[in-house]
Amino acid sequence: MFHAKCSDPTSGTTFAVLNGFDPSKYKTCAGAAKGFHKSLKAYAKKAGYNTDYGPILRSPSEEVEYTGSKCWSVTWEEGPYEWGICTSFDVTGDWGYAEPYYSFDLHFASK
């Protein structure tokens, strides 16, 4: 089971992201991004965030218009400080890996 721990340097708060997401279960970037988004949204709701506006899942055709990158992405601007950076180190599998574009999102890339 995937359980990234991140720390907010401004508040000193440690938070856990994506309890229940297992990147090794997926064969494609699309599957991993969709599974990640589902887990992140569940985490956000449980943590008391308003999930009406995020996290957001974008397909490659949507993301290319947003950042210029043609890949699957998950964006959550309202999330904990730099969640995308500390989480990205553990989001990898046979399908590829995830890397932050900004500190509040992840792009899913093939190997």
N, C-alpha and C. Protein backbone atom coordinates (compact mmCIF):
# COMPACT_ATOMS: atom_id res chain seq x y z
N MET A 1 0.85 -1.18 0.00
CA MET A 1 0.00 0.00 0.00
C MET A 1 0.89 1.24 0.00
N PHE A 2 0.50 2.24 -0.77
CA PHE A 2 1.26 3.47 -0.91
C PHE A 2 0.84 4.46 0.17
N HIS A 3 1.80 5.08 0.82
CA HIS A 3 1.49 6.02 1.90
C HIS A 3 2.62 7.04 1.98
N ALA A 4 2.55 8.10 1.20
CA ALA A 4 3.59 9.12 1.21
C ALA A 4 3.39 10.04 2.40
N LYS A 5 4.46 10.35 3.08
CA LYS A 5 4.40 11.32 4.18
C LYS A 5 5.13 12.57 3.74
N CYS A 6 4.47 13.69 3.90
CA CYS A 6 5.02 14.97 3.51
C CYS A 6 4.97 15.91 4.70
N SER A 7 5.84 16.90 4.72
CA SER A 7 5.84 17.89 5.79
C SER A 7 5.70 19.28 5.22
N ASP A 8 4.89 20.09 5.88
CA ASP A 8 4.72 21.48 5.50
C ASP A 8 5.75 22.29 6.29
N PRO A 9 6.75 22.87 5.63
CA PRO A 9 7.81 23.58 6.36
C PRO A 9 7.33 24.84 7.08
N THR A 10 6.22 25.43 6.62
CA THR A 10 5.75 26.64 7.27
C THR A 10 5.02 26.35 8.57
N SER A 11 4.31 25.22 8.62
CA SER A 11 3.56 24.90 9.84
C SER A 11 4.17 23.75 10.63
N GLY A 12 5.07 22.99 9.98
CA GLY A 12 5.65 21.83 10.64
C GLY A 12 4.72 20.63 10.66
N THR A 13 3.57 20.75 10.04
CA THR A 13 2.58 19.67 10.02
C THR A 13 3.03 18.56 9.08
N THR A 14 2.91 17.32 9.53
CA THR A 14 3.17 16.17 8.67
C THR A 14 1.83 15.63 8.23
N PHE A 15 1.70 15.31 6.96
CA PHE A 15 0.43 14.78 6.46
C PHE A 15 0.72 13.59 5.57
N ALA A 16 -0.23 12.68 5.55
CA ALA A 16 -0.10 11.47 4.72
C ALA A 16 -1.02 11.61 3.52
N VAL A 17 -0.51 11.27 2.37
CA VAL A 17 -1.28 11.40 1.14
C VAL A 17 -1.49 10.02 0.51
N LEU A 18 -2.68 9.76 0.06
CA LEU A 18 -2.99 8.62 -0.78
C LEU A 18 -2.88 7.26 -0.12
N ASN A 19 -3.35 7.15 1.07
CA ASN A 19 -3.41 5.84 1.71
C ASN A 19 -4.35 4.97 0.87
N GLY A 20 -3.84 3.86 0.38
CA GLY A 20 -4.65 2.97 -0.44
C GLY A 20 -4.28 2.96 -1.91
N PHE A 21 -3.50 3.93 -2.38
CA PHE A 21 -3.07 3.93 -3.78
C PHE A 21 -1.84 3.05 -3.93
N ASP A 22 -1.90 2.11 -4.85
CA ASP A 22 -0.77 1.21 -5.10
C ASP A 22 -0.35 1.34 -6.55
N PRO A 23 0.72 2.09 -6.84
CA PRO A 23 1.11 2.33 -8.23
C PRO A 23 1.50 1.07 -8.99
N SER A 24 1.87 0.01 -8.28
CA SER A 24 2.28 -1.23 -8.95
C SER A 24 1.10 -1.98 -9.57
N LYS A 25 -0.12 -1.59 -9.25
CA LYS A 25 -1.31 -2.26 -9.79
C LYS A 25 -1.60 -1.87 -11.24
N TYR A 26 -0.98 -0.83 -11.75
CA TYR A 26 -1.36 -0.26 -13.03
C TYR A 26 -0.39 -0.62 -14.14
N LYS A 27 -0.91 -0.72 -15.36
CA LYS A 27 -0.11 -1.07 -16.54
C LYS A 27 0.13 0.13 -17.46
N THR A 28 -0.69 1.20 -17.30
CA THR A 28 -0.58 2.37 -18.18
C THR A 28 -0.56 3.66 -17.36
N CYS A 29 -0.07 4.72 -17.98
CA CYS A 29 -0.11 6.04 -17.34
C CYS A 29 -1.55 6.46 -17.08
N ALA A 30 -2.43 6.18 -18.02
CA ALA A 30 -3.85 6.55 -17.87
C ALA A 30 -4.44 5.87 -16.65
N GLY A 31 -4.21 4.58 -16.49
CA GLY A 31 -4.74 3.85 -15.34
C GLY A 31 -4.17 4.37 -14.04
N ALA A 32 -2.86 4.62 -14.01
CA ALA A 32 -2.21 5.13 -12.79
C ALA A 32 -2.75 6.52 -12.43
N ALA A 33 -2.89 7.39 -13.42
CA ALA A 33 -3.40 8.75 -13.16
C ALA A 33 -4.83 8.71 -12.64
N LYS A 34 -5.65 7.86 -13.23
CA LYS A 34 -7.05 7.75 -12.78
C LYS A 34 -7.13 7.18 -11.37
N GLY A 35 -6.32 6.16 -11.08
CA GLY A 35 -6.30 5.59 -9.74
C GLY A 35 -5.77 6.57 -8.71
N PHE A 36 -4.73 7.30 -9.08
CA PHE A 36 -4.14 8.32 -8.21
C PHE A 36 -5.17 9.41 -7.91
N HIS A 37 -5.84 9.88 -8.95
CA HIS A 37 -6.86 10.92 -8.79
C HIS A 37 -7.96 10.47 -7.84
N LYS A 38 -8.43 9.25 -8.01
CA LYS A 38 -9.49 8.72 -7.15
C LYS A 38 -9.04 8.69 -5.68
N SER A 39 -7.82 8.22 -5.44
CA SER A 39 -7.29 8.17 -4.07
C SER A 39 -7.07 9.56 -3.50
N LEU A 40 -6.53 10.47 -4.32
CA LEU A 40 -6.27 11.83 -3.85
C LEU A 40 -7.58 12.55 -3.51
N LYS A 41 -8.59 12.35 -4.33
CA LYS A 41 -9.89 12.97 -4.08
C LYS A 41 -10.49 12.44 -2.77
N ALA A 42 -10.37 11.13 -2.53
CA ALA A 42 -10.86 10.54 -1.29
C ALA A 42 -10.11 11.11 -0.09
N TYR A 43 -8.78 11.26 -0.24
CA TYR A 43 -7.97 11.86 0.83
C TYR A 43 -8.42 13.29 1.10
N ALA A 44 -8.61 14.07 0.04
CA ALA A 44 -9.01 15.48 0.18
C ALA A 44 -10.34 15.60 0.91
N LYS A 45 -11.27 14.75 0.54
CA LYS A 45 -12.59 14.79 1.18
C LYS A 45 -12.47 14.44 2.65
N LYS A 46 -11.72 13.39 2.95
CA LYS A 46 -11.54 12.95 4.34
C LYS A 46 -10.83 14.02 5.17
N ALA A 47 -9.91 14.75 4.56
CA ALA A 47 -9.15 15.78 5.26
C ALA A 47 -9.92 17.10 5.39
N GLY A 48 -11.13 17.16 4.82
CA GLY A 48 -11.97 18.34 4.98
C GLY A 48 -11.85 19.39 3.90
N TYR A 49 -11.19 19.06 2.81
CA TYR A 49 -11.09 20.01 1.69
C TYR A 49 -12.37 19.99 0.86
N ASN A 50 -12.68 21.10 0.21
CA ASN A 50 -13.80 21.18 -0.71
C ASN A 50 -13.36 20.53 -2.02
N THR A 51 -13.95 19.40 -2.37
CA THR A 51 -13.53 18.67 -3.57
C THR A 51 -14.34 19.04 -4.82
N ASP A 52 -15.13 20.09 -4.74
CA ASP A 52 -15.89 20.53 -5.92
C ASP A 52 -14.97 21.04 -7.02
N TYR A 53 -13.80 21.58 -6.65
CA TYR A 53 -12.89 22.19 -7.62
C TYR A 53 -11.54 21.48 -7.72
N GLY A 54 -11.37 20.40 -7.05
CA GLY A 54 -10.10 19.70 -7.12
C GLY A 54 -10.07 18.57 -6.12
N PRO A 55 -9.21 17.66 -6.32
CA PRO A 55 -8.21 17.52 -7.37
C PRO A 55 -8.84 17.33 -8.76
N ILE A 56 -8.09 17.72 -9.76
CA ILE A 56 -8.55 17.67 -11.15
C ILE A 56 -7.72 16.66 -11.93
N LEU A 57 -8.39 15.81 -12.69
CA LEU A 57 -7.73 14.86 -13.59
C LEU A 57 -7.83 15.42 -15.00
N ARG A 58 -6.68 15.47 -15.69
CA ARG A 58 -6.68 15.94 -17.07
C ARG A 58 -6.10 14.88 -17.99
N SER A 59 -6.76 14.67 -19.12
CA SER A 59 -6.26 13.76 -20.16
C SER A 59 -5.14 14.48 -20.91
N PRO A 60 -4.36 13.75 -21.71
CA PRO A 60 -3.31 14.41 -22.49
C PRO A 60 -3.82 15.53 -23.39
N SER A 61 -4.99 15.37 -23.99
CA SER A 61 -5.51 16.42 -24.86
C SER A 61 -5.93 17.67 -24.06
N GLU A 62 -6.33 17.49 -22.82
CA GLU A 62 -6.67 18.63 -21.97
C GLU A 62 -5.40 19.28 -21.40
N GLU A 63 -4.45 18.45 -20.97
CA GLU A 63 -3.23 18.98 -20.34
C GLU A 63 -2.36 19.75 -21.32
N VAL A 64 -2.33 19.35 -22.57
CA VAL A 64 -1.51 20.05 -23.55
C VAL A 64 -1.99 21.50 -23.71
N GLU A 65 -3.26 21.75 -23.51
CA GLU A 65 -3.78 23.12 -23.58
C GLU A 65 -3.48 23.90 -22.31
N TYR A 66 -3.30 23.21 -21.19
CA TYR A 66 -3.06 23.85 -19.89
C TYR A 66 -1.58 24.17 -19.69
N THR A 67 -0.70 23.20 -19.96
CA THR A 67 0.74 23.39 -19.70
C THR A 67 1.61 23.21 -20.93
N GLY A 68 1.05 22.67 -22.01
CA GLY A 68 1.85 22.36 -23.18
C GLY A 68 2.41 20.95 -23.18
N SER A 69 2.21 20.22 -22.08
CA SER A 69 2.67 18.84 -21.97
C SER A 69 1.55 17.88 -22.34
N LYS A 70 1.82 16.94 -23.21
CA LYS A 70 0.80 15.99 -23.64
C LYS A 70 0.93 14.72 -22.80
N CYS A 71 0.30 14.74 -21.61
CA CYS A 71 0.38 13.62 -20.68
C CYS A 71 -0.85 13.65 -19.76
N TRP A 72 -1.06 12.57 -19.06
CA TRP A 72 -2.08 12.54 -18.02
C TRP A 72 -1.57 13.34 -16.84
N SER A 73 -2.45 14.07 -16.16
CA SER A 73 -2.02 14.85 -15.00
C SER A 73 -3.10 14.90 -13.94
N VAL A 74 -2.66 15.14 -12.72
CA VAL A 74 -3.54 15.38 -11.59
C VAL A 74 -3.07 16.67 -10.94
N THR A 75 -3.98 17.63 -10.81
CA THR A 75 -3.66 18.94 -10.24
C THR A 75 -4.54 19.17 -9.01
N TRP A 76 -3.92 19.70 -7.95
CA TRP A 76 -4.67 20.04 -6.73
C TRP A 76 -4.02 21.26 -6.10
N GLU A 77 -4.41 22.43 -6.57
CA GLU A 77 -3.81 23.68 -6.10
C GLU A 77 -4.14 23.99 -4.65
N GLU A 78 -5.27 23.52 -4.16
CA GLU A 78 -5.68 23.81 -2.78
C GLU A 78 -5.08 22.84 -1.77
N GLY A 79 -4.33 21.86 -2.23
CA GLY A 79 -3.81 20.82 -1.35
C GLY A 79 -2.70 21.30 -0.43
N PRO A 80 -2.19 20.40 0.42
CA PRO A 80 -1.10 20.74 1.33
C PRO A 80 0.13 21.25 0.59
N TYR A 81 0.91 22.06 1.24
CA TYR A 81 2.08 22.71 0.67
C TYR A 81 3.00 21.69 -0.01
N GLU A 82 3.27 21.90 -1.29
CA GLU A 82 4.18 21.10 -2.10
C GLU A 82 3.91 19.59 -2.07
N TRP A 83 2.63 19.20 -1.98
CA TRP A 83 2.29 17.79 -1.92
C TRP A 83 2.80 17.03 -3.14
N GLY A 84 2.81 17.67 -4.29
CA GLY A 84 3.22 17.00 -5.52
C GLY A 84 4.69 16.61 -5.54
N ILE A 85 5.51 17.42 -4.90
CA ILE A 85 6.95 17.14 -4.89
C ILE A 85 7.26 15.92 -4.03
N CYS A 86 6.82 15.92 -2.79
CA CYS A 86 7.16 14.79 -1.92
C CYS A 86 6.44 13.51 -2.32
N THR A 87 5.27 13.62 -2.92
CA THR A 87 4.52 12.44 -3.34
C THR A 87 5.13 11.80 -4.57
N SER A 88 5.70 12.61 -5.45
CA SER A 88 6.18 12.11 -6.74
C SER A 88 7.25 11.03 -6.61
N PHE A 89 8.04 11.06 -5.57
CA PHE A 89 9.14 10.10 -5.42
C PHE A 89 8.66 8.66 -5.34
N ASP A 90 7.43 8.46 -4.89
CA ASP A 90 6.91 7.11 -4.69
C ASP A 90 5.89 6.68 -5.73
N VAL A 91 5.55 7.54 -6.68
CA VAL A 91 4.55 7.20 -7.69
C VAL A 91 5.28 6.73 -8.95
N THR A 92 5.56 5.44 -8.98
CA THR A 92 6.29 4.84 -10.08
C THR A 92 5.89 3.37 -10.21
N GLY A 93 6.01 2.84 -11.40
CA GLY A 93 5.65 1.45 -11.64
C GLY A 93 6.10 1.03 -13.03
N ASP A 94 5.67 -0.16 -13.45
CA ASP A 94 6.02 -0.64 -14.79
C ASP A 94 5.49 0.30 -15.88
N TRP A 95 4.43 1.04 -15.59
CA TRP A 95 3.81 1.96 -16.53
C TRP A 95 4.65 3.21 -16.75
N GLY A 96 5.48 3.59 -15.78
CA GLY A 96 6.27 4.80 -15.87
C GLY A 96 6.46 5.45 -14.52
N TYR A 97 6.34 6.76 -14.48
CA TYR A 97 6.56 7.50 -13.25
C TYR A 97 5.76 8.81 -13.27
N ALA A 98 5.66 9.44 -12.11
CA ALA A 98 5.01 10.74 -12.02
C ALA A 98 6.04 11.77 -11.58
N GLU A 99 5.92 12.97 -12.14
CA GLU A 99 6.81 14.04 -11.73
C GLU A 99 6.01 15.34 -11.64
N PRO A 100 6.39 16.22 -10.72
CA PRO A 100 5.64 17.47 -10.59
C PRO A 100 5.94 18.43 -11.74
N TYR A 101 4.93 19.14 -12.18
CA TYR A 101 5.11 20.24 -13.12
C TYR A 101 5.30 21.50 -12.28
N TYR A 102 4.35 21.72 -11.37
CA TYR A 102 4.48 22.69 -10.29
C TYR A 102 4.53 21.86 -9.01
N SER A 103 4.49 22.47 -7.87
CA SER A 103 4.53 21.72 -6.61
C SER A 103 3.16 21.18 -6.22
N PHE A 104 2.12 21.51 -6.99
CA PHE A 104 0.77 21.10 -6.65
C PHE A 104 0.13 20.21 -7.72
N ASP A 105 0.96 19.54 -8.52
CA ASP A 105 0.41 18.64 -9.53
C ASP A 105 1.44 17.57 -9.90
N LEU A 106 0.96 16.54 -10.57
CA LEU A 106 1.83 15.49 -11.06
C LEU A 106 1.50 15.18 -12.51
N HIS A 107 2.54 15.00 -13.32
CA HIS A 107 2.39 14.54 -14.69
C HIS A 107 2.82 13.07 -14.72
N PHE A 108 2.06 12.27 -15.42
CA PHE A 108 2.32 10.83 -15.51
C PHE A 108 2.99 10.53 -16.84
N ALA A 109 4.22 10.00 -16.78
CA ALA A 109 5.03 9.79 -17.98
C ALA A 109 5.39 8.32 -18.15
N SER A 110 5.44 7.87 -19.40
CA SER A 110 5.86 6.51 -19.71
C SER A 110 7.38 6.40 -19.57
N LYS A 111 7.85 5.19 -19.32
CA LYS A 111 9.31 4.97 -19.25
C LYS A 111 9.91 5.01 -20.64
